[in-house]
N, C-alpha and C. Protein backbone atom coordinates (compact mmCIF):
# COMPACT_ATOMS: atom_id res chain seq x y z
N MET A 1 10.44 0.96 20.28
CA MET A 1 10.83 -0.12 19.45
C MET A 1 11.07 0.35 18.19
N LYS A 2 11.63 -0.96 17.42
CA LYS A 2 12.23 -0.50 15.94
C LYS A 2 11.52 -1.79 15.59
N GLN A 3 10.54 -1.18 14.31
CA GLN A 3 9.87 -2.53 13.43
C GLN A 3 10.81 -3.60 12.94
N SER A 4 10.79 -4.46 13.09
CA SER A 4 11.48 -5.97 11.99
C SER A 4 11.28 -5.42 10.87
N ARG A 5 12.20 -5.99 9.73
CA ARG A 5 11.87 -5.80 8.53
C ARG A 5 10.72 -7.05 8.45
N THR A 6 10.56 -8.00 8.67
CA THR A 6 9.27 -8.57 8.23
C THR A 6 8.05 -8.22 8.72
N MET A 7 7.84 -7.25 9.97
CA MET A 7 6.69 -6.60 10.23
C MET A 7 6.35 -5.19 8.91
N SER A 8 8.05 -4.73 8.88
CA SER A 8 7.57 -3.58 7.56
C SER A 8 7.03 -4.14 6.43
N LEU A 9 7.64 -5.01 5.94
CA LEU A 9 7.24 -5.77 4.57
C LEU A 9 6.07 -6.63 4.71
N LEU A 10 5.29 -6.99 5.81
CA LEU A 10 3.85 -7.43 5.99
C LEU A 10 3.11 -5.44 5.86
N GLU A 11 3.46 -4.87 6.41
CA GLU A 11 2.84 -3.72 6.23
C GLU A 11 2.47 -2.90 5.06
N SER A 12 3.82 -3.26 4.01
CA SER A 12 3.46 -2.80 2.89
C SER A 12 2.54 -3.52 2.05
N LEU A 13 2.53 -4.66 1.99
CA LEU A 13 1.79 -5.49 0.99
C LEU A 13 0.80 -5.24 1.47
N THR A 14 0.37 -5.69 3.05
CA THR A 14 -1.04 -5.00 3.32
C THR A 14 -1.73 -3.79 2.75
N ASN A 15 -1.15 -2.84 3.22
CA ASN A 15 -1.37 -1.60 2.35
C ASN A 15 -1.99 -1.79 1.16
N VAL A 16 -0.76 -2.28 0.26
CA VAL A 16 -0.82 -2.10 -1.26
C VAL A 16 -2.15 -3.30 -1.26
N ALA A 17 -2.37 -4.16 -0.73
CA ALA A 17 -3.63 -4.87 -1.01
C ALA A 17 -4.98 -3.98 -1.05
N VAL A 18 -4.75 -3.05 0.54
CA VAL A 18 -5.89 -2.87 0.62
C VAL A 18 -6.04 -1.50 0.21
N GLY A 19 -5.25 -0.89 -0.95
CA GLY A 19 -4.96 -0.15 -1.76
C GLY A 19 -5.91 -0.30 -2.84
N TYR A 20 -5.42 -1.11 -3.31
CA TYR A 20 -5.93 -2.30 -4.34
C TYR A 20 -7.41 -2.52 -4.27
N GLY A 21 -7.60 -3.03 -2.85
CA GLY A 21 -9.30 -3.49 -2.94
C GLY A 21 -10.27 -2.19 -3.32
N ILE A 22 -9.54 -1.25 -2.70
CA ILE A 22 -10.25 0.27 -2.27
C ILE A 22 -10.47 1.17 -3.43
N ALA A 23 -9.69 0.88 -4.18
CA ALA A 23 -9.45 1.40 -5.82
C ALA A 23 -10.49 0.73 -6.64
N VAL A 24 -10.56 -0.61 -6.52
CA VAL A 24 -11.05 -1.02 -7.72
C VAL A 24 -12.71 -1.35 -6.88
N ILE A 25 -12.87 -1.22 -5.75
CA ILE A 25 -14.49 -0.55 -4.92
C ILE A 25 -15.00 0.37 -5.36
N THR A 26 -13.89 1.49 -5.09
CA THR A 26 -14.45 2.66 -5.84
C THR A 26 -14.78 3.16 -7.36
N GLN A 27 -13.88 2.23 -7.77
CA GLN A 27 -14.04 2.92 -9.78
C GLN A 27 -15.54 2.18 -9.85
N ILE A 28 -15.87 0.71 -9.32
CA ILE A 28 -17.52 0.31 -9.51
C ILE A 28 -18.34 0.91 -9.32
N VAL A 29 -17.88 1.77 -7.64
CA VAL A 29 -19.26 2.45 -7.25
C VAL A 29 -19.27 3.93 -7.64
N VAL A 30 -18.25 4.98 -8.25
CA VAL A 30 -17.94 6.03 -9.30
C VAL A 30 -18.04 6.56 -10.76
N PHE A 31 -17.70 4.78 -11.19
CA PHE A 31 -17.33 5.10 -12.59
C PHE A 31 -19.13 4.96 -12.92
N PRO A 32 -19.99 4.70 -12.80
CA PRO A 32 -21.79 5.12 -13.43
C PRO A 32 -21.90 5.59 -13.05
N LEU A 33 -21.78 6.68 -11.87
CA LEU A 33 -22.23 8.17 -11.98
C LEU A 33 -21.53 8.82 -12.87
N PHE A 34 -20.72 8.35 -13.83
CA PHE A 34 -19.96 9.38 -14.78
C PHE A 34 -20.29 8.52 -16.02
N GLY A 35 -21.00 7.49 -15.76
CA GLY A 35 -21.91 7.10 -16.96
C GLY A 35 -20.56 5.93 -17.95
N LEU A 36 -19.78 6.24 -17.23
CA LEU A 36 -19.11 5.02 -17.41
C LEU A 36 -19.02 3.72 -16.89
N THR A 37 -19.32 2.74 -17.91
CA THR A 37 -19.20 1.29 -17.86
C THR A 37 -18.06 0.65 -18.23
N THR A 38 -17.66 -0.61 -17.36
CA THR A 38 -16.83 -1.06 -17.46
C THR A 38 -17.03 -2.83 -16.87
N THR A 39 -16.13 -3.72 -17.35
CA THR A 39 -16.35 -4.99 -16.43
C THR A 39 -15.46 -5.24 -15.47
N LEU A 40 -15.56 -5.88 -14.51
CA LEU A 40 -15.03 -6.27 -13.28
C LEU A 40 -13.38 -6.05 -13.55
N SER A 41 -13.24 -7.12 -15.07
CA SER A 41 -11.95 -7.12 -15.35
C SER A 41 -11.23 -5.97 -15.80
N GLU A 42 -11.86 -4.89 -16.51
CA GLU A 42 -11.43 -3.90 -16.53
C GLU A 42 -10.88 -3.14 -15.20
N ASN A 43 -11.72 -3.02 -14.35
CA ASN A 43 -11.62 -2.44 -12.94
C ASN A 43 -10.63 -3.06 -12.59
N MET A 44 -10.39 -4.12 -12.93
CA MET A 44 -8.97 -4.89 -11.34
C MET A 44 -7.86 -4.35 -12.46
N MET A 45 -7.92 -4.28 -13.97
CA MET A 45 -6.45 -4.29 -14.73
C MET A 45 -6.40 -2.89 -14.72
N MET A 46 -7.61 -1.73 -14.52
CA MET A 46 -7.15 0.05 -14.12
C MET A 46 -6.48 -0.23 -12.64
N GLY A 47 -7.04 -0.82 -10.98
CA GLY A 47 -6.96 -0.66 -10.52
C GLY A 47 -5.30 -1.48 -10.17
N ALA A 48 -5.05 -2.35 -10.86
CA ALA A 48 -3.53 -2.83 -10.65
C ALA A 48 -2.73 -1.49 -11.00
N ILE A 49 -2.75 -0.71 -12.31
CA ILE A 49 -2.45 0.36 -12.83
C ILE A 49 -2.34 1.14 -12.31
N PHE A 50 -3.18 1.79 -10.99
CA PHE A 50 -3.12 2.74 -10.03
C PHE A 50 -2.60 2.43 -9.14
N THR A 51 -2.26 1.17 -8.39
CA THR A 51 -1.60 0.61 -7.10
C THR A 51 -0.31 0.95 -8.16
N VAL A 52 0.42 0.39 -9.15
CA VAL A 52 1.67 0.14 -9.56
C VAL A 52 2.14 1.87 -9.64
N VAL A 53 1.35 2.78 -10.16
CA VAL A 53 1.48 4.36 -9.79
C VAL A 53 1.79 4.78 -8.85
N SER A 54 0.92 4.19 -8.23
CA SER A 54 0.87 5.07 -6.15
C SER A 54 2.44 3.97 -5.60
N ILE A 55 2.25 3.06 -6.30
CA ILE A 55 3.82 2.26 -5.54
C ILE A 55 4.99 3.28 -5.95
N ALA A 56 5.17 3.94 -7.16
CA ALA A 56 6.22 4.14 -7.71
C ALA A 56 6.11 6.09 -7.23
N ARG A 57 4.82 6.61 -6.94
CA ARG A 57 5.12 8.13 -6.58
C ARG A 57 5.84 7.55 -4.65
N SER A 58 4.51 6.89 -4.42
CA SER A 58 4.96 6.64 -2.46
C SER A 58 6.89 6.38 -2.40
N PHE A 59 7.86 5.33 -3.15
CA PHE A 59 8.92 5.13 -3.07
C PHE A 59 9.84 6.53 -3.84
N THR A 60 9.20 7.12 -4.74
CA THR A 60 10.40 8.11 -4.91
C THR A 60 9.52 9.74 -4.40
N LEU A 61 8.67 9.47 -3.66
CA LEU A 61 8.46 10.79 -2.25
C LEU A 61 9.28 10.06 -0.80
N ARG A 62 9.24 9.09 -0.66
CA ARG A 62 10.20 8.54 0.26
C ARG A 62 12.29 8.94 0.02
N ARG A 63 12.14 8.51 -1.19
CA ARG A 63 13.70 8.62 -1.20
C ARG A 63 14.02 10.37 -1.53
N PHE A 64 13.26 11.40 -1.81
CA PHE A 64 13.25 12.46 -2.10
C PHE A 64 13.55 12.99 -0.75
N PHE A 65 12.42 13.05 0.45
CA PHE A 65 12.84 13.17 1.31
C PHE A 65 13.33 12.49 2.16
N GLU A 66 14.36 11.43 2.16
CA GLU A 66 15.32 10.81 2.60
C GLU A 66 16.53 11.26 2.07
N ALA A 67 16.79 12.05 1.38
CA ALA A 67 17.59 12.40 0.08
C ALA A 67 17.73 14.19 1.05
N LEU A 68 17.01 14.72 1.64
CA LEU A 68 16.54 15.80 2.27
C LEU A 68 17.26 15.54 3.71
N ARG A 69 16.85 14.56 4.13
CA ARG A 69 16.77 14.20 5.50
C ARG A 69 18.32 14.21 5.67
N LEU A 70 18.65 13.39 4.72
CA LEU A 70 20.49 13.21 4.36
C LEU A 70 21.12 15.09 4.34
N GLN A 71 20.67 15.45 3.77
CA GLN A 71 21.47 16.96 3.27
C GLN A 71 21.22 18.20 4.34
N ASP A 72 19.73 18.08 5.38
CA ASP A 72 20.04 18.46 6.17
C ASP A 72 20.70 17.89 7.54
N GLU A 73 21.30 16.39 7.71
CA GLU A 73 22.02 16.39 8.49
C GLU A 73 23.47 16.57 8.11
N GLY A 74 23.73 16.80 7.19
CA GLY A 74 24.75 17.36 6.54
C GLY A 74 25.26 18.96 7.09
N SER A 75 24.65 19.52 7.04
CA SER A 75 24.38 21.34 6.74
C SER A 75 24.61 21.33 8.68
N GLU A 76 24.31 19.99 9.73
CA GLU A 76 24.52 20.56 10.82
C GLU A 76 25.95 20.34 11.82
C-alpha cells in the first residue's frame, strides 16, 4: 500500500524534529569531552544549522538518485 502525502509529511517532520533533538543532546554531551563550552541557546542554534544542512543533503541525494533511476529506466 502506498503512503499518503499527509503521512509522508508527518514522517518527514517527525524525522527532522527527532534529528534536531538528537543533535542538540549530542552536542551537550560531547562538546565538554573536547573542552568546548556552549550555552543551551548556542547548542540549539548549531543544531538548527546542522538540521538545515542535513535536509539539504538528503534532498540533493534523493533528487540525484531519482535522476539515476529515470536515466536507468530510459535505457531499458
